[in-house]
Amino acid sequence: MELSTTSEKAEEVCAKEAAYFDKNKNRMRYDEFRRQGLFVGSGVLEAGCRSVIGQRLKQSGMHWTVKGANSVIALRCCD
């Protein structure tokens, strides 16, 4: 597949992006991953973060420092 570029900068960007896809093509076998029943999108992970971390940090009346929030996040992510 060829892309038409209108400037040298656009050509550089296209070359960089094409190199990224070429380098990572083995990680982007989405049809194969779906056939194996694996999740392809980030929605499951995002929902997990929202329920495990977000609910704890956003309870009514909660006020956190960055250090305190990071500590709670670390605890919530432990097994």
PDB file of N, CA and C in Angstrom:
ATOM      1  N   MET A   1       0.844  -1.173   0.000  1.00  0.00           N
ATOM      2  CA  MET A   1       0.000   0.000   0.000  1.00  0.00           C
ATOM      3  C   MET A   1       0.889   1.236   0.000  1.00  0.00           C
ATOM      4  N   GLU A   2       0.556   2.215  -0.806  1.00  0.00           N
ATOM      5  CA  GLU A   2       1.314   3.452  -0.866  1.00  0.00           C
ATOM      6  C   GLU A   2       0.429   4.614  -0.440  1.00  0.00           C
ATOM      7  N   LEU A   3       1.035   5.553   0.264  1.00  0.00           N
ATOM      8  CA  LEU A   3       0.330   6.758   0.686  1.00  0.00           C
ATOM      9  C   LEU A   3       0.909   7.947  -0.051  1.00  0.00           C
ATOM     10  N   SER A   4       0.060   8.852  -0.419  1.00  0.00           N
ATOM     11  CA  SER A   4       0.513  10.061  -1.089  1.00  0.00           C
ATOM     12  C   SER A   4       0.869  11.098  -0.032  1.00  0.00           C
ATOM     13  N   THR A   5       2.041  11.690  -0.144  1.00  0.00           N
ATOM     14  CA  THR A   5       2.456  12.724   0.807  1.00  0.00           C
ATOM     15  C   THR A   5       2.637  14.038   0.070  1.00  0.00           C
ATOM     16  N   THR A   6       2.358  15.125   0.782  1.00  0.00           N
ATOM     17  CA  THR A   6       2.426  16.438   0.147  1.00  0.00           C
ATOM     18  C   THR A   6       3.611  17.256   0.617  1.00  0.00           C
ATOM     19  N   SER A   7       4.337  16.776   1.606  1.00  0.00           N
ATOM     20  CA  SER A   7       5.492  17.522   2.094  1.00  0.00           C
ATOM     21  C   SER A   7       6.541  16.558   2.625  1.00  0.00           C
ATOM     22  N   GLU A   8       7.724  17.078   2.836  1.00  0.00           N
ATOM     23  CA  GLU A   8       8.806  16.254   3.380  1.00  0.00           C
ATOM     24  C   GLU A   8       8.464  15.798   4.793  1.00  0.00           C
ATOM     25  N   LYS A   9       7.851  16.687   5.576  1.00  0.00           N
ATOM     26  CA  LYS A   9       7.463  16.345   6.943  1.00  0.00           C
ATOM     27  C   LYS A   9       6.426  15.215   6.927  1.00  0.00           C
ATOM     28  N   ALA A  10       5.446  15.303   6.053  1.00  0.00           N
ATOM     29  CA  ALA A  10       4.437  14.255   5.937  1.00  0.00           C
ATOM     30  C   ALA A  10       5.079  12.933   5.542  1.00  0.00           C
ATOM     31  N   GLU A  11       6.049  12.995   4.667  1.00  0.00           N
ATOM     32  CA  GLU A  11       6.763  11.791   4.241  1.00  0.00           C
ATOM     33  C   GLU A  11       7.500  11.159   5.422  1.00  0.00           C
ATOM     34  N   GLU A  12       8.130  11.983   6.260  1.00  0.00           N
ATOM     35  CA  GLU A  12       8.831  11.482   7.446  1.00  0.00           C
ATOM     36  C   GLU A  12       7.855  10.820   8.417  1.00  0.00           C
ATOM     37  N   VAL A  13       6.710  11.466   8.612  1.00  0.00           N
ATOM     38  CA  VAL A  13       5.704  10.912   9.524  1.00  0.00           C
ATOM     39  C   VAL A  13       5.202   9.572   8.997  1.00  0.00           C
ATOM     40  N   CYS A  14       4.898   9.501   7.721  1.00  0.00           N
ATOM     41  CA  CYS A  14       4.428   8.249   7.127  1.00  0.00           C
ATOM     42  C   CYS A  14       5.471   7.146   7.251  1.00  0.00           C
ATOM     43  N   ALA A  15       6.722   7.479   7.017  1.00  0.00           N
ATOM     44  CA  ALA A  15       7.792   6.486   7.121  1.00  0.00           C
ATOM     45  C   ALA A  15       7.923   5.989   8.558  1.00  0.00           C
ATOM     46  N   LYS A  16       7.834   6.896   9.514  1.00  0.00           N
ATOM     47  CA  LYS A  16       7.934   6.529  10.932  1.00  0.00           C
ATOM     48  C   LYS A  16       6.776   5.611  11.330  1.00  0.00           C
ATOM     49  N   GLU A  17       5.567   5.966  10.925  1.00  0.00           N
ATOM     50  CA  GLU A  17       4.396   5.154  11.270  1.00  0.00           C
ATOM     51  C   GLU A  17       4.441   3.794  10.589  1.00  0.00           C
ATOM     52  N   ALA A  18       4.857   3.766   9.335  1.00  0.00           N
ATOM     53  CA  ALA A  18       4.964   2.494   8.616  1.00  0.00           C
ATOM     54  C   ALA A  18       5.989   1.588   9.295  1.00  0.00           C
ATOM     55  N   ALA A  19       7.098   2.154   9.750  1.00  0.00           N
ATOM     56  CA  ALA A  19       8.122   1.369  10.454  1.00  0.00           C
ATOM     57  C   ALA A  19       7.567   0.807  11.760  1.00  0.00           C
ATOM     58  N   TYR A  20       6.749   1.600  12.461  1.00  0.00           N
ATOM     59  CA  TYR A  20       6.133   1.132  13.710  1.00  0.00           C
ATOM     60  C   TYR A  20       5.253  -0.086  13.437  1.00  0.00           C
ATOM     61  N   PHE A  21       4.384   0.021  12.434  1.00  0.00           N
ATOM     62  CA  PHE A  21       3.486  -1.086  12.127  1.00  0.00           C
ATOM     63  C   PHE A  21       4.264  -2.315  11.664  1.00  0.00           C
ATOM     64  N   ASP A  22       5.311  -2.113  10.887  1.00  0.00           N
ATOM     65  CA  ASP A  22       6.123  -3.232  10.428  1.00  0.00           C
ATOM     66  C   ASP A  22       6.800  -3.924  11.601  1.00  0.00           C
ATOM     67  N   LYS A  23       7.328  -3.137  12.526  1.00  0.00           N
ATOM     68  CA  LYS A  23       8.023  -3.688  13.701  1.00  0.00           C
ATOM     69  C   LYS A  23       7.060  -4.442  14.620  1.00  0.00           C
ATOM     70  N   ASN A  24       5.818  -3.984  14.722  1.00  0.00           N
ATOM     71  CA  ASN A  24       4.875  -4.540  15.680  1.00  0.00           C
ATOM     72  C   ASN A  24       3.776  -5.409  15.058  1.00  0.00           C
ATOM     73  N   LYS A  25       3.939  -5.804  13.801  1.00  0.00           N
ATOM     74  CA  LYS A  25       2.880  -6.553  13.126  1.00  0.00           C
ATOM     75  C   LYS A  25       2.558  -7.874  13.821  1.00  0.00           C
ATOM     76  N   ASN A  26       3.517  -8.491  14.474  1.00  0.00           N
ATOM     77  CA  ASN A  26       3.247  -9.747  15.178  1.00  0.00           C
ATOM     78  C   ASN A  26       2.355  -9.544  16.397  1.00  0.00           C
ATOM     79  N   ARG A  27       2.337  -8.344  16.931  1.00  0.00           N
ATOM     80  CA  ARG A  27       1.479  -8.033  18.079  1.00  0.00           C
ATOM     81  C   ARG A  27       0.070  -7.642  17.650  1.00  0.00           C
ATOM     82  N   MET A  28      -0.133  -7.427  16.368  1.00  0.00           N
ATOM     83  CA  MET A  28      -1.410  -6.926  15.872  1.00  0.00           C
ATOM     84  C   MET A  28      -2.167  -7.987  15.070  1.00  0.00           C
ATOM     85  N   ARG A  29      -2.090  -9.227  15.521  1.00  0.00           N
ATOM     86  CA  ARG A  29      -2.810 -10.315  14.865  1.00  0.00           C
ATOM     87  C   ARG A  29      -4.195 -10.456  15.517  1.00  0.00           C
ATOM     88  N   TYR A  30      -4.984  -9.402  15.424  1.00  0.00           N
ATOM     89  CA  TYR A  30      -6.241  -9.319  16.157  1.00  0.00           C
ATOM     90  C   TYR A  30      -7.217 -10.432  15.789  1.00  0.00           C
ATOM     91  N   ASP A  31      -7.294 -10.799  14.525  1.00  0.00           N
ATOM     92  CA  ASP A  31      -8.212 -11.869  14.138  1.00  0.00           C
ATOM     93  C   ASP A  31      -7.832 -13.190  14.803  1.00  0.00           C
ATOM     94  N   GLU A  32      -6.544 -13.457  14.868  1.00  0.00           N
ATOM     95  CA  GLU A  32      -6.068 -14.679  15.525  1.00  0.00           C
ATOM     96  C   GLU A  32      -6.350 -14.622  17.025  1.00  0.00           C
ATOM     97  N   PHE A  33      -6.112 -13.492  17.645  1.00  0.00           N
ATOM     98  CA  PHE A  33      -6.358 -13.344  19.082  1.00  0.00           C
ATOM     99  C   PHE A  33      -7.840 -13.517  19.404  1.00  0.00           C
ATOM    100  N   ARG A  34      -8.707 -12.962  18.563  1.00  0.00           N
ATOM    101  CA  ARG A  34     -10.152 -13.109  18.782  1.00  0.00           C
ATOM    102  C   ARG A  34     -10.578 -14.569  18.654  1.00  0.00           C
ATOM    103  N   ARG A  35     -10.010 -15.289  17.701  1.00  0.00           N
ATOM    104  CA  ARG A  35     -10.333 -16.716  17.531  1.00  0.00           C
ATOM    105  C   ARG A  35      -9.950 -17.509  18.779  1.00  0.00           C
ATOM    106  N   GLN A  36      -8.921 -17.043  19.479  1.00  0.00           N
ATOM    107  CA  GLN A  36      -8.479 -17.703  20.710  1.00  0.00           C
ATOM    108  C   GLN A  36      -9.307 -17.267  21.921  1.00  0.00           C
ATOM    109  N   GLY A  37     -10.250 -16.354  21.693  1.00  0.00           N
ATOM    110  CA  GLY A  37     -11.096 -15.884  22.790  1.00  0.00           C
ATOM    111  C   GLY A  37     -10.453 -14.822  23.650  1.00  0.00           C
ATOM    112  N   LEU A  38      -9.380 -14.211  23.149  1.00  0.00           N
ATOM    113  CA  LEU A  38      -8.674 -13.178  23.914  1.00  0.00           C
ATOM    114  C   LEU A  38      -9.301 -11.814  23.662  1.00  0.00           C
ATOM    115  N   PHE A  39      -9.196 -10.938  24.640  1.00  0.00           N
ATOM    116  CA  PHE A  39      -9.664  -9.576  24.483  1.00  0.00           C
ATOM    117  C   PHE A  39      -8.633  -8.792  23.680  1.00  0.00           C
ATOM    118  N   VAL A  40      -9.105  -7.976  22.775  1.00  0.00           N
ATOM    119  CA  VAL A  40      -8.211  -7.211  21.919  1.00  0.00           C
ATOM    120  C   VAL A  40      -8.169  -5.748  22.346  1.00  0.00           C
ATOM    121  N   GLY A  41      -9.276  -5.206  22.809  1.00  0.00           N
ATOM    122  CA  GLY A  41      -9.349  -3.804  23.192  1.00  0.00           C
ATOM    123  C   GLY A  41      -8.886  -3.570  24.617  1.00  0.00           C
ATOM    124  N   SER A  42      -8.857  -2.311  24.996  1.00  0.00           N
ATOM    125  CA  SER A  42      -8.417  -1.943  26.340  1.00  0.00           C
ATOM    126  C   SER A  42      -9.584  -1.773  27.306  1.00  0.00           C
ATOM    127  N   GLY A  43     -10.805  -1.974  26.839  1.00  0.00           N
ATOM    128  CA  GLY A  43     -11.984  -1.742  27.668  1.00  0.00           C
ATOM    129  C   GLY A  43     -12.024  -2.564  28.936  1.00  0.00           C
ATOM    130  N   VAL A  44     -11.630  -3.826  28.863  1.00  0.00           N
ATOM    131  CA  VAL A  44     -11.659  -4.688  30.041  1.00  0.00           C
ATOM    132  C   VAL A  44     -10.686  -4.179  31.099  1.00  0.00           C
ATOM    133  N   LEU A  45      -9.493  -3.800  30.671  1.00  0.00           N
ATOM    134  CA  LEU A  45      -8.497  -3.276  31.598  1.00  0.00           C
ATOM    135  C   LEU A  45      -8.954  -1.951  32.197  1.00  0.00           C
ATOM    136  N   GLU A  46      -9.498  -1.089  31.360  1.00  0.00           N
ATOM    137  CA  GLU A  46      -9.975   0.203  31.847  1.00  0.00           C
ATOM    138  C   GLU A  46     -11.107   0.030  32.859  1.00  0.00           C
ATOM    139  N   ALA A  47     -12.012  -0.894  32.598  1.00  0.00           N
ATOM    140  CA  ALA A  47     -13.108  -1.150  33.537  1.00  0.00           C
ATOM    141  C   ALA A  47     -12.571  -1.697  34.850  1.00  0.00           C
ATOM    142  N   GLY A  48     -11.573  -2.543  34.778  1.00  0.00           N
ATOM    143  CA  GLY A  48     -10.955  -3.078  35.992  1.00  0.00           C
ATOM    144  C   GLY A  48     -10.319  -1.992  36.825  1.00  0.00           C
ATOM    145  N   CYS A  49      -9.601  -1.090  36.178  1.00  0.00           N
ATOM    146  CA  CYS A  49      -8.989   0.035  36.899  1.00  0.00           C
ATOM    147  C   CYS A  49     -10.059   0.912  37.531  1.00  0.00           C
ATOM    148  N   ARG A  50     -11.120   1.138  36.799  1.00  0.00           N
ATOM    149  CA  ARG A  50     -12.195   1.983  37.311  1.00  0.00           C
ATOM    150  C   ARG A  50     -12.822   1.358  38.554  1.00  0.00           C
ATOM    151  N   SER A  51     -13.040   0.051  38.523  1.00  0.00           N
ATOM    152  CA  SER A  51     -13.709  -0.575  39.663  1.00  0.00           C
ATOM    153  C   SER A  51     -12.762  -0.810  40.835  1.00  0.00           C
ATOM    154  N   VAL A  52     -11.530  -1.208  40.564  1.00  0.00           N
ATOM    155  CA  VAL A  52     -10.595  -1.514  41.645  1.00  0.00           C
ATOM    156  C   VAL A  52     -10.030  -0.253  42.283  1.00  0.00           C
ATOM    157  N   ILE A  53      -9.683   0.714  41.476  1.00  0.00           N
ATOM    158  CA  ILE A  53      -9.008   1.909  41.980  1.00  0.00           C
ATOM    159  C   ILE A  53      -9.961   3.088  42.100  1.00  0.00           C
ATOM    160  N   GLY A  54     -10.671   3.383  41.034  1.00  0.00           N
ATOM    161  CA  GLY A  54     -11.512   4.579  41.009  1.00  0.00           C
ATOM    162  C   GLY A  54     -12.559   4.603  42.094  1.00  0.00           C
ATOM    163  N   GLN A  55     -13.256   3.486  42.316  1.00  0.00           N
ATOM    164  CA  GLN A  55     -14.293   3.466  43.338  1.00  0.00           C
ATOM    165  C   GLN A  55     -13.732   3.754  44.720  1.00  0.00           C
ATOM    166  N   ARG A  56     -12.555   3.247  45.015  1.00  0.00           N
ATOM    167  CA  ARG A  56     -11.948   3.456  46.332  1.00  0.00           C
ATOM    168  C   ARG A  56     -11.519   4.902  46.521  1.00  0.00           C
ATOM    169  N   LEU A  57     -10.950   5.497  45.485  1.00  0.00           N
ATOM    170  CA  LEU A  57     -10.423   6.855  45.612  1.00  0.00           C
ATOM    171  C   LEU A  57     -11.499   7.930  45.503  1.00  0.00           C
ATOM    172  N   LYS A  58     -12.660   7.578  44.949  1.00  0.00           N
ATOM    173  CA  LYS A  58     -13.677   8.594  44.683  1.00  0.00           C
ATOM    174  C   LYS A  58     -14.899   8.472  45.580  1.00  0.00           C
ATOM    175  N   GLN A  59     -14.752   7.824  46.706  1.00  0.00           N
ATOM    176  CA  GLN A  59     -15.879   7.719  47.616  1.00  0.00           C
ATOM    177  C   GLN A  59     -16.229   9.087  48.189  1.00  0.00           C
ATOM    178  N   SER A  60     -17.441   9.228  48.605  1.00  0.00           N
ATOM    179  CA  SER A  60     -17.936  10.491  49.127  1.00  0.00           C
ATOM    180  C   SER A  60     -17.059  11.002  50.278  1.00  0.00           C
ATOM    181  N   GLY A  61     -16.661  12.235  50.195  1.00  0.00           N
ATOM    182  CA  GLY A  61     -15.882  12.871  51.254  1.00  0.00           C
ATOM    183  C   GLY A  61     -14.396  12.575  51.228  1.00  0.00           C
ATOM    184  N   MET A  62     -13.935  11.832  50.244  1.00  0.00           N
ATOM    185  CA  MET A  62     -12.515  11.475  50.175  1.00  0.00           C
ATOM    186  C   MET A  62     -11.695  12.616  49.591  1.00  0.00           C
ATOM    187  N   HIS A  63     -10.573  12.870  50.207  1.00  0.00           N
ATOM    188  CA  HIS A  63      -9.604  13.857  49.702  1.00  0.00           C
ATOM    189  C   HIS A  63      -8.228  13.216  49.843  1.00  0.00           C
ATOM    190  N   TRP A  64      -7.496  13.155  48.739  1.00  0.00           N
ATOM    191  CA  TRP A  64      -6.232  12.441  48.728  1.00  0.00           C
ATOM    192  C   TRP A  64      -5.079  13.338  48.301  1.00  0.00           C
ATOM    193  N   THR A  65      -3.927  13.112  48.920  1.00  0.00           N
ATOM    194  CA  THR A  65      -2.690  13.679  48.382  1.00  0.00           C
ATOM    195  C   THR A  65      -2.217  12.697  47.307  1.00  0.00           C
ATOM    196  N   VAL A  66      -1.314  13.123  46.470  1.00  0.00           N
ATOM    197  CA  VAL A  66      -0.779  12.226  45.442  1.00  0.00           C
ATOM    198  C   VAL A  66      -0.101  11.029  46.106  1.00  0.00           C
ATOM    199  N   LYS A  67       0.674  11.289  47.155  1.00  0.00           N
ATOM    200  CA  LYS A  67       1.371  10.204  47.862  1.00  0.00           C
ATOM    201  C   LYS A  67       0.366   9.221  48.464  1.00  0.00           C
ATOM    202  N   GLY A  68      -0.674   9.736  49.089  1.00  0.00           N
ATOM    203  CA  GLY A  68      -1.692   8.872  49.692  1.00  0.00           C
ATOM    204  C   GLY A  68      -2.440   8.058  48.649  1.00  0.00           C
ATOM    205  N   ALA A  69      -2.814   8.713  47.543  1.00  0.00           N
ATOM    206  CA  ALA A  69      -3.517   8.014  46.471  1.00  0.00           C
ATOM    207  C   ALA A  69      -2.640   6.921  45.881  1.00  0.00           C
ATOM    208  N   ASN A  70      -1.367   7.220  45.666  1.00  0.00           N
ATOM    209  CA  ASN A  70      -0.444   6.204  45.129  1.00  0.00           C
ATOM    210  C   ASN A  70      -0.315   5.022  46.075  1.00  0.00           C
ATOM    211  N   SER A  71      -0.322   5.278  47.379  1.00  0.00           N
ATOM    212  CA  SER A  71      -0.249   4.201  48.354  1.00  0.00           C
ATOM    213  C   SER A  71      -1.484   3.309  48.302  1.00  0.00           C
ATOM    214  N   VAL A  72      -2.656   3.923  48.206  1.00  0.00           N
ATOM    215  CA  VAL A  72      -3.902   3.150  48.104  1.00  0.00           C
ATOM    216  C   VAL A  72      -3.931   2.353  46.808  1.00  0.00           C
ATOM    217  N   ILE A  73      -3.499   2.965  45.718  1.00  0.00           N
ATOM    218  CA  ILE A  73      -3.453   2.256  44.435  1.00  0.00           C
ATOM    219  C   ILE A  73      -2.544   1.039  44.536  1.00  0.00           C
ATOM    220  N   ALA A  74      -1.367   1.211  45.158  1.00  0.00           N
ATOM    221  CA  ALA A  74      -0.432   0.082  45.317  1.00  0.00           C
ATOM    222  C   ALA A  74      -1.071  -1.035  46.128  1.00  0.00           C
ATOM    223  N   LEU A  75      -1.778  -0.691  47.198  1.00  0.00           N
ATOM    224  CA  LEU A  75      -2.438  -1.718  48.014  1.00  0.00           C
ATOM    225  C   LEU A  75      -3.543  -2.415  47.256  1.00  0.00           C
ATOM    226  N   ARG A  76      -4.328  -1.668  46.503  1.00  0.00           N
ATOM    227  CA  ARG A  76      -5.455  -2.248  45.772  1.00  0.00           C
ATOM    228  C   ARG A  76      -4.978  -3.174  44.653  1.00  0.00           C
ATOM    229  N   CYS A  77      -3.766  -2.964  44.178  1.00  0.00           N
ATOM    230  CA  CYS A  77      -3.248  -3.783  43.077  1.00  0.00           C
ATOM    231  C   CYS A  77      -2.497  -5.020  43.558  1.00  0.00           C
ATOM    232  N   CYS A  78      -2.329  -5.172  44.880  1.00  0.00           N
ATOM    233  CA  CYS A  78      -1.681  -6.362  45.419  1.00  0.00           C
ATOM    234  C   CYS A  78      -2.645  -7.532  45.387  1.00  0.00           C
ATOM    235  N   ASP A  79      -2.101  -8.699  45.299  1.00  0.00           N
ATOM    236  CA  ASP A  79      -2.935  -9.922  45.336  1.00  0.00           C
ATOM    237  C   ASP A  79      -3.407 -10.206  46.716  1.00  0.00           C
TER     238      ASP A  79
END
